[in-house]
Protein backbone atom coordinates (compact mmCIF):
# COMPACT_ATOMS: atom_id res chain seq x y z
CA MET A 1 -0.16 -0.03 0.13
CA LYS A 2 2.83 2.29 0.92
CA ASN A 3 4.50 1.51 -2.33
CA ARG A 4 1.31 2.11 -4.34
CA THR A 5 0.89 5.71 -2.71
CA GLN A 6 4.23 6.67 -3.50
CA ARG A 7 3.76 5.43 -7.17
CA LEU A 8 0.83 7.97 -7.09
CA LEU A 9 2.39 10.71 -5.55
CA GLY A 10 5.34 10.65 -8.00
CA ALA A 11 3.01 10.36 -10.97
CA LEU A 12 0.85 13.22 -9.84
CA ALA A 13 4.28 15.39 -9.29
CA PHE A 14 5.52 14.30 -12.87
CA SER A 15 2.05 15.51 -14.20
CA VAL A 16 2.22 18.86 -12.58
CA LEU A 17 6.00 19.54 -13.47
CA SER A 18 5.04 18.72 -17.39
CA MET A 19 2.32 21.02 -17.36
CA PRO A 20 2.96 24.25 -19.27
CA MET A 21 4.15 27.18 -17.14
CA PHE A 22 3.33 30.62 -18.07
CA ALA A 23 6.15 32.59 -16.62
CA GLN A 24 5.59 36.57 -16.54
CA LEU A 25 7.68 38.54 -19.47
CA SER A 26 10.57 40.47 -18.69
CA GLY A 27 13.32 41.72 -20.71
CA SER A 28 13.98 41.50 -24.62
CA TYR A 29 12.30 39.33 -27.10
CA THR A 30 11.92 39.20 -31.02
CA ILE A 31 8.97 39.20 -33.25
CA ASP A 32 10.55 37.66 -36.59
CA ALA A 33 8.59 35.54 -39.02
CA ASN A 34 11.66 33.52 -39.98
CA GLY A 35 13.28 33.71 -36.27
CA THR A 36 13.43 30.38 -33.81
CA GLY A 37 13.81 30.05 -30.10
CA THR A 38 11.86 30.58 -27.10
CA SER A 39 12.29 34.14 -27.06
CA ASN A 40 10.92 34.64 -30.37
CA TYR A 41 7.49 35.26 -31.85
CA THR A 42 6.68 34.80 -35.33
CA THR A 43 3.46 37.06 -35.33
CA PHE A 44 2.49 40.28 -33.48
CA GLY A 45 -0.51 38.04 -32.59
CA ALA A 46 1.68 35.71 -30.69
CA ALA A 47 3.43 38.40 -29.12
CA THR A 48 0.44 40.18 -27.99
CA ALA A 49 -1.25 36.80 -26.68
CA ALA A 50 1.79 35.99 -24.52
CA LEU A 51 1.38 39.38 -23.01
CA THR A 52 -2.00 38.88 -21.93
CA THR A 53 -1.59 35.23 -20.88
CA SER A 54 1.62 35.84 -18.93
CA GLY A 55 1.44 39.29 -18.10
CA VAL A 56 4.97 41.49 -17.42
CA SER A 57 7.33 41.23 -14.30
CA GLY A 58 9.82 43.85 -15.90
CA ALA A 59 9.80 46.21 -18.72
CA VAL A 60 9.56 44.34 -22.13
CA THR A 61 10.90 45.19 -25.36
CA PHE A 62 9.85 43.36 -28.53
CA ASN A 63 12.53 43.90 -31.29
CA VAL A 64 10.79 43.62 -34.42
CA ALA A 65 12.71 42.18 -37.62
CA SER A 66 12.42 43.98 -40.79
CA GLY A 67 9.55 42.55 -43.15
CA THR A 68 5.76 43.08 -43.71
CA TYR A 69 3.22 41.46 -40.82
CA THR A 70 -0.12 41.30 -42.55
CA GLU A 71 -2.20 41.11 -39.47
CA GLN A 72 -4.52 43.26 -37.45
CA VAL A 73 -2.80 43.88 -34.11
CA THR A 74 -4.80 44.40 -30.76
CA LEU A 75 -3.16 45.20 -27.47
CA THR A 76 -5.38 44.83 -24.44
CA ALA A 77 -4.42 45.69 -20.70
CA VAL A 78 -1.74 43.53 -19.39
CA THR A 79 -1.03 42.13 -15.86
CA GLY A 80 2.00 43.84 -14.12
CA ALA A 81 2.35 46.72 -16.66
CA SER A 82 3.48 49.99 -14.76
CA SER A 83 5.46 53.18 -15.39
CA THR A 84 8.58 51.06 -14.74
CA ASN A 85 7.20 47.65 -16.29
CA THR A 86 6.39 49.49 -19.47
CA ILE A 87 6.23 47.44 -23.15
CA THR A 88 7.57 48.41 -26.36
CA PHE A 89 7.55 47.29 -30.02
CA GLN A 90 10.70 48.58 -31.94
CA GLY A 91 11.23 48.09 -35.49
CA SER A 92 14.34 47.52 -37.16
CA THR A 93 16.81 49.95 -37.98
CA THR A 94 18.23 48.32 -41.27
CA ALA A 95 15.01 47.99 -43.10
CA PRO A 96 10.97 48.85 -42.34
CA SER A 97 9.18 46.78 -40.11
CA ILE A 98 5.56 47.24 -41.71
CA ILE A 99 2.21 46.20 -40.26
CA THR A 100 -0.67 46.35 -42.59
CA TYR A 101 -4.25 45.18 -42.43
CA SER A 102 -7.29 45.85 -44.59
CA PRO A 103 -10.29 46.38 -42.48
CA ALA A 104 -13.76 45.65 -43.98
CA ALA A 105 -16.40 47.52 -41.47
CA SER A 106 -16.43 49.84 -38.82
CA ALA A 107 -16.04 47.30 -36.48
CA THR A 108 -12.66 46.19 -37.23
CA ASN A 109 -11.38 49.53 -38.50
CA TRP A 110 -7.85 49.61 -37.30
CA THR A 111 -4.38 48.12 -38.09
CA VAL A 112 -3.24 48.59 -34.59
CA ARG A 113 -5.65 49.02 -31.52
CA LEU A 114 -5.09 49.69 -27.87
CA ASP A 115 -7.98 48.56 -25.96
CA GLY A 116 -7.05 49.59 -22.35
CA ALA A 117 -3.38 48.89 -22.75
CA ASP A 118 -1.20 51.08 -20.79
CA TYR A 119 2.52 52.06 -20.51
CA VAL A 120 2.90 50.99 -24.50
CA THR A 121 5.29 52.35 -26.65
CA LEU A 122 5.29 51.88 -30.53
CA ASP A 123 8.65 52.95 -32.03
CA ASN A 124 9.97 52.95 -35.66
CA LEU A 125 7.37 51.10 -36.82
CA THR A 126 5.75 51.41 -40.52
CA ILE A 127 1.70 51.14 -40.27
CA THR A 128 -0.33 51.02 -43.02
CA THR A 129 -3.50 49.99 -44.44
CA GLY A 130 -5.07 48.05 -47.46
CA GLY A 131 -8.62 48.94 -46.80
CA SER A 132 -10.33 51.52 -49.25
CA THR A 133 -13.84 52.36 -47.22
CA TYR A 134 -12.10 51.95 -43.78
CA GLY A 135 -8.57 52.70 -43.08
CA ARG A 136 -7.74 53.75 -39.41
CA LEU A 137 -4.24 52.86 -38.55
CA VAL A 138 -3.77 53.37 -34.80
CA ASN A 139 -7.12 53.19 -32.68
CA TYR A 140 -7.33 53.49 -28.84
CA THR A 141 -10.48 52.27 -26.95
CA ASP A 142 -11.12 52.22 -23.21
CA THR A 143 -8.78 54.18 -20.99
CA VAL A 144 -5.17 53.98 -22.31
CA THR A 145 -2.36 55.50 -19.80
CA ASP A 146 1.11 56.68 -20.88
CA PHE A 147 1.52 55.94 -24.70
CA ASN A 148 4.24 56.81 -27.01
CA LEU A 149 4.09 56.54 -30.56
CA THR A 150 7.50 57.66 -31.65
CA ASN A 151 9.93 57.61 -34.94
CA CYS A 152 6.92 55.86 -36.78
CA HIS A 153 5.67 55.85 -40.22
CA LEU A 154 1.90 55.81 -40.69
CA ILE A 155 0.76 55.68 -44.27
CA GLY A 156 -3.24 55.97 -44.83
CA ALA A 157 -5.36 55.54 -47.91
CA THR A 158 -7.67 58.64 -47.39
CA GLY A 159 -7.33 60.34 -51.01
CA SER A 160 -9.42 63.83 -50.63
CA SER A 161 -11.79 62.15 -47.80
CA THR A 162 -12.16 63.97 -44.47
CA SER A 163 -13.87 60.79 -42.75
CA SER A 164 -12.48 59.69 -39.34
CA ASN A 165 -12.85 56.23 -41.15
CA TYR A 166 -9.19 57.18 -42.22
CA GLY A 167 -7.62 58.29 -38.80
CA GLY A 168 -3.83 58.06 -38.28
CA LEU A 169 -4.29 58.17 -34.63
CA TYR A 170 -7.86 57.89 -33.36
CA TYR A 171 -10.23 56.94 -30.84
CA THR A 172 -13.23 54.64 -30.41
CA TYR A 173 -15.87 55.56 -27.73
CA PRO A 174 -15.50 55.02 -25.16
CA GLY A 175 -11.87 55.69 -25.56
CA PHE A 176 -9.92 58.10 -23.26
CA ALA A 177 -6.17 59.12 -22.93
CA ALA A 178 -4.82 59.30 -19.58
CA GLY A 179 -1.50 60.13 -18.06
CA ASN A 180 1.05 61.33 -20.23
CA TRP A 181 0.96 61.00 -23.89
CA HIS A 182 4.10 61.51 -26.32
CA ILE A 183 3.58 61.63 -30.14
CA ASN A 184 6.98 62.52 -31.40
CA ASP A 185 9.41 62.30 -34.64
CA ASN A 186 6.56 60.59 -36.57
CA VAL A 187 5.46 61.02 -40.22
CA PHE A 188 1.72 61.01 -41.14
CA ASP A 189 0.72 60.47 -44.74
CA SER A 190 -2.60 60.33 -46.38
CA VAL A 191 -4.79 60.50 -43.22
CA SER A 192 -7.94 62.59 -42.52
CA TYR A 193 -7.27 62.99 -38.93
CA ALA A 194 -3.64 62.58 -38.11
CA CYS A 195 -2.95 63.20 -34.49
CA TYR A 196 -6.74 62.95 -32.44
CA VAL A 197 -5.98 62.72 -28.65
CA TYR A 198 -8.94 62.90 -26.74
CA GLY A 199 -8.97 62.86 -22.78
CA ALA A 200 -12.47 62.72 -21.00
CA ASN A 201 -14.28 65.82 -19.93
CA ASP A 202 -12.84 65.36 -16.48
CA ILE A 203 -9.32 66.04 -18.16
CA SER A 204 -7.95 62.53 -17.51
CA ALA A 205 -4.99 63.27 -19.64
CA ASP A 206 -2.23 64.94 -17.61
CA SER A 207 0.16 65.90 -20.36
CA LEU A 208 0.21 65.52 -24.09
CA PHE A 209 3.40 66.06 -26.06
CA VAL A 210 3.35 66.57 -29.77
CA GLU A 211 6.80 67.11 -31.31
CA ASP A 212 8.68 66.85 -34.35
CA ASN A 213 6.01 65.26 -36.59
CA VAL A 214 5.53 65.74 -40.23
CA ILE A 215 2.03 65.82 -40.81
CA ASN A 216 0.17 65.27 -44.41
CA ALA A 217 -3.87 65.52 -43.54
CA THR A 218 -7.14 66.45 -45.41
CA TYR A 219 -8.84 67.33 -42.29
CA TYR A 220 -7.10 67.53 -38.75
CA GLY A 221 -3.52 67.82 -38.25
CA ILE A 222 -2.87 68.15 -34.56
CA TYR A 223 -6.05 67.84 -32.17
CA GLY A 224 -5.42 67.92 -28.37
CA TYR A 225 -8.79 67.53 -26.18
CA TYR A 226 -9.03 67.41 -22.46
CA ALA A 227 -5.57 67.46 -21.63
CA LYS A 228 -4.15 69.61 -18.61
CA TYR A 229 -0.76 70.44 -20.23
CA GLN A 230 -0.60 70.63 -24.19
CA LYS A 231 2.77 71.27 -25.78
CA PHE A 232 3.05 71.32 -29.51
CA HIS A 233 6.81 72.13 -30.78
CA ASP A 234 8.50 71.88 -34.22
CA ASN A 235 5.81 70.08 -36.03
CA VAL A 236 5.12 70.63 -39.93
CA VAL A 237 1.27 70.15 -40.90
CA ASN A 238 0.44 70.33 -44.53
CA SER A 239 -3.01 70.49 -45.86
CA MET A 240 -3.75 68.15 -48.41
CA ILE A 241 -6.89 69.90 -49.28
CA SER A 242 -6.17 73.54 -49.61
CA GLY A 243 -7.34 75.77 -46.88
CA ASN A 244 -8.86 72.91 -45.07
CA ALA A 245 -6.86 71.21 -42.34
CA ARG A 246 -7.18 72.69 -38.68
CA ASN A 247 -5.16 72.27 -35.35
CA TYR A 248 -6.67 72.49 -32.24
CA ALA A 249 -5.50 72.61 -28.25
CA TYR A 250 -8.86 72.29 -26.61
CA TYR A 251 -9.76 72.20 -22.97
CA PRO A 252 -6.35 72.69 -21.61
CA ALA A 253 -6.55 73.00 -17.85
CA TYR A 254 -3.21 74.43 -17.26
CA GLU A 255 -0.93 75.36 -20.25
CA VAL A 256 -0.61 75.31 -23.67
CA ASP A 257 2.99 75.95 -25.31
CA ILE A 258 2.81 76.15 -29.09
CA GLN A 259 6.53 77.09 -30.58
CA GLY A 260 8.40 76.59 -33.70
CA ASN A 261 5.83 75.02 -35.66
CA GLN A 262 4.62 75.44 -39.25
CA MET A 263 1.23 75.01 -40.60
CA ASN A 264 0.64 75.14 -44.08
CA GLU A 265 -2.39 75.95 -46.15
CA CYS A 266 -4.77 75.02 -43.24
CA ALA A 267 -7.92 76.67 -42.17
CA TYR A 268 -6.99 77.07 -38.56
CA GLY A 269 -3.39 77.64 -38.24
CA ILE A 270 -3.86 77.28 -34.18
CA TYR A 271 -7.27 77.17 -32.56
CA VAL A 272 -6.79 77.18 -28.58
CA TYR A 273 -9.97 77.30 -26.60
CA SER A 274 -10.62 76.54 -22.90
CA ALA A 275 -13.44 77.47 -20.39
CA LEU A 276 -13.28 74.98 -17.63
CA SER A 277 -15.51 75.42 -14.52
CA THR A 278 -13.91 76.89 -11.57
CA THR A 279 -15.54 74.30 -9.48
CA LEU A 280 -13.08 72.00 -10.96
CA GLY A 281 -10.34 73.87 -8.98
CA TYR A 282 -7.34 74.11 -11.68
CA GLY A 283 -6.94 77.93 -11.28
CA SER A 284 -5.52 80.30 -14.04
CA MET A 285 -3.98 79.21 -17.46
CA LYS A 286 -1.07 80.18 -19.15
CA ALA A 287 -0.59 80.32 -23.36
CA THR A 288 2.71 80.69 -24.96
CA ILE A 289 2.42 80.87 -28.62
CA SER A 290 5.91 81.83 -30.44
CA ASN A 291 8.03 81.21 -33.46
CA ASN A 292 5.55 79.71 -35.53
CA HIS A 293 4.42 80.18 -39.22
CA PHE A 294 0.71 80.08 -39.58
CA GLU A 295 -1.55 79.90 -42.75
CA GLY A 296 -5.01 80.02 -42.25
CA THR A 297 -7.75 80.66 -44.70
CA TYR A 298 -9.93 81.64 -41.32
CA TYR A 299 -7.45 82.30 -38.71
CA GLY A 300 -3.96 82.32 -38.01
CA ILE A 301 -3.94 82.31 -34.50
CA TYR A 302 -7.11 81.90 -32.21
CA LEU A 303 -6.83 82.07 -28.50
CA ALA A 304 -10.21 82.37 -26.60
CA GLY A 305 -11.72 81.71 -23.20
CA SER A 306 -15.33 82.36 -22.09
CA GLY A 307 -17.02 85.16 -20.69
CA THR A 308 -19.02 83.30 -18.02
CA ALA A 309 -17.89 84.20 -14.57
CA THR A 310 -17.59 80.79 -13.07
CA THR A 311 -14.90 79.48 -15.70
CA GLU A 312 -11.15 79.63 -15.65
CA LYS A 313 -9.36 82.80 -17.21
CA TRP A 314 -6.18 82.98 -19.44
CA THR A 315 -3.78 85.22 -17.09
CA ASP A 316 -0.40 84.81 -18.40
CA VAL A 317 -0.37 85.10 -22.52
CA THR A 318 2.47 85.49 -24.54
CA ILE A 319 2.19 85.63 -28.50
CA GLU A 320 5.47 86.70 -30.02
CA ASN A 321 7.73 86.43 -33.34
CA ASN A 322 5.12 84.44 -35.51
CA THR A 323 4.54 84.90 -38.98
CA ILE A 324 1.11 84.51 -40.15
CA GLU A 325 -0.74 84.47 -43.71
CA ALA A 326 -4.46 84.74 -43.45
CA TRP A 327 -6.22 84.11 -46.78
CA GLY A 328 -9.43 83.01 -48.40
CA SER A 329 -12.64 83.93 -49.50
CA SER A 330 -14.56 84.86 -46.52
CA TYR A 331 -13.54 86.66 -43.19
CA ASN A 332 -9.89 86.64 -42.22
CA TYR A 333 -8.26 86.73 -38.46
CA GLY A 334 -4.37 86.96 -38.22
CA ILE A 335 -4.85 86.69 -34.42
CA SER A 336 -7.88 86.63 -32.62
CA ILE A 337 -7.98 86.88 -28.89
CA ARG A 338 -11.19 86.61 -26.75
CA TYR A 339 -11.87 86.75 -23.19
CA LEU A 340 -8.37 87.36 -22.04
CA ASN A 341 -7.99 88.46 -18.19
CA PRO A 342 -4.50 88.70 -17.17
CA PRO A 343 -3.79 90.93 -14.05
CA SER A 344 -2.47 94.52 -14.54
CA THR A 345 1.07 93.07 -12.99
CA ASN A 346 1.20 90.57 -15.68
CA ARG A 347 -0.04 91.94 -19.04
CA ALA A 348 -0.63 89.96 -22.34
CA LYS A 349 2.21 90.42 -24.70
CA VAL A 350 1.26 90.36 -28.43
CA ARG A 351 4.41 91.25 -30.04
CA ASN A 352 6.50 91.17 -33.04
CA ASN A 353 4.37 89.48 -35.11
CA MET A 354 4.29 89.54 -39.10
CA ILE A 355 0.67 89.13 -40.73
CA SER A 356 -0.15 89.07 -44.07
CA LEU A 357 -3.63 89.58 -44.82
CA ASN A 358 -4.30 88.10 -48.40
CA THR A 359 -8.38 87.51 -48.97
CA THR A 360 -9.17 86.67 -52.40
CA SER A 361 -12.54 88.12 -52.17
CA THR A 362 -13.75 91.88 -52.72
CA SER A 363 -16.39 91.25 -49.80
CA GLY A 364 -14.40 89.46 -47.20
CA THR A 365 -13.63 90.89 -43.75
CA LEU A 366 -10.09 91.27 -42.86
CA TYR A 367 -9.02 91.51 -39.04
CA GLY A 368 -5.32 91.84 -38.65
CA ILE A 369 -5.44 91.63 -34.47
CA TYR A 370 -8.92 91.48 -33.35
CA PRO A 371 -9.15 91.80 -29.36
CA TYR A 372 -12.64 91.16 -27.89
CA HIS A 373 -13.53 91.37 -24.25
CA CYS A 374 -10.12 91.47 -23.35
CA ALA A 375 -8.38 93.32 -20.21
CA ASN A 376 -4.75 94.05 -19.81
CA VAL A 377 -3.37 93.12 -23.28
CA ASP A 378 -0.08 95.18 -24.72
CA LEU A 379 0.04 95.13 -28.69
CA HIS A 380 3.55 95.96 -29.50
CA HIS A 381 5.87 95.95 -32.86
CA ASN A 382 3.15 93.79 -34.99
CA SER A 383 3.41 94.40 -38.51
CA ILE A 384 0.11 93.95 -40.79
CA ALA A 385 0.01 94.31 -44.43
């Protein structure tokens, strides 16, 4: 009886030890269709399945071999992911690592999706679509915290369409940005909405950094919505439809910092608006818009708040050293500022801007600088022609 019991326990132990064990991922792995070994995955789908099944116990980097991966990639929430246990997909430096997919319906309209996936970086990848009616490239849904899109080439299929079906970086409701988002050093080609980052209306996104991107879009170049701090530096936005693309910094809570950008043949060079309730407790707001080149058929620069007493006000404002071309067949504003309320001890500064108004209409209305319901604003050394 004793020997029989020992044999049974031994068999059970062997059975347990023989079962597949899903150790948490940590360190470097490869994604290579022709690769081998325990640290290689032949598809993105296999890599994301491992993340979902096993989770992570440290920072994880997937080094993606050059080649074309024809698959739809969906990243879901990963157990163990954090600001230190980050997840990076990094393309090859020798030849492009290309992800492509051809969506056929709105319910599957993406090449890469972040579905509640936090602390993810997509770096040095080419992301494209084979779709015609549908062709979103990077899509996010649910709440996505601390996302980085860097050094990537996003190639869409918008043609002349302005539909969001051809977005470069776009959300699906309920999809919200949270934490800190960095959209840096990318090229967006042939997209409708290039960089559309949407935080919840309780301002769930802390900071949005959009820097050093080249954007070719039909409708929206840069659109930041509900991020407390929004920084747009050294981007080039080209409207694929003359006089149509728009750039927004919408509902910041603390500050917008917009410098060194070039917005070509747009409808709005930059449009900044915020009117958050004082009950949210954010306090006054700061705006710096400097050293940009803006072309707009309606607005070169638009900066506005609300006249309602219960909304936060712009109290620290500098608009300087910008070159602006406002042109089109209707009204044209070089600089439009509305409901600014800085204190007398820190007056708003609008200075050293060069504004050219070139309407194509004989009945259009031209405004070089248009202050509306503003207090304590200094307009110095601006050139208007």
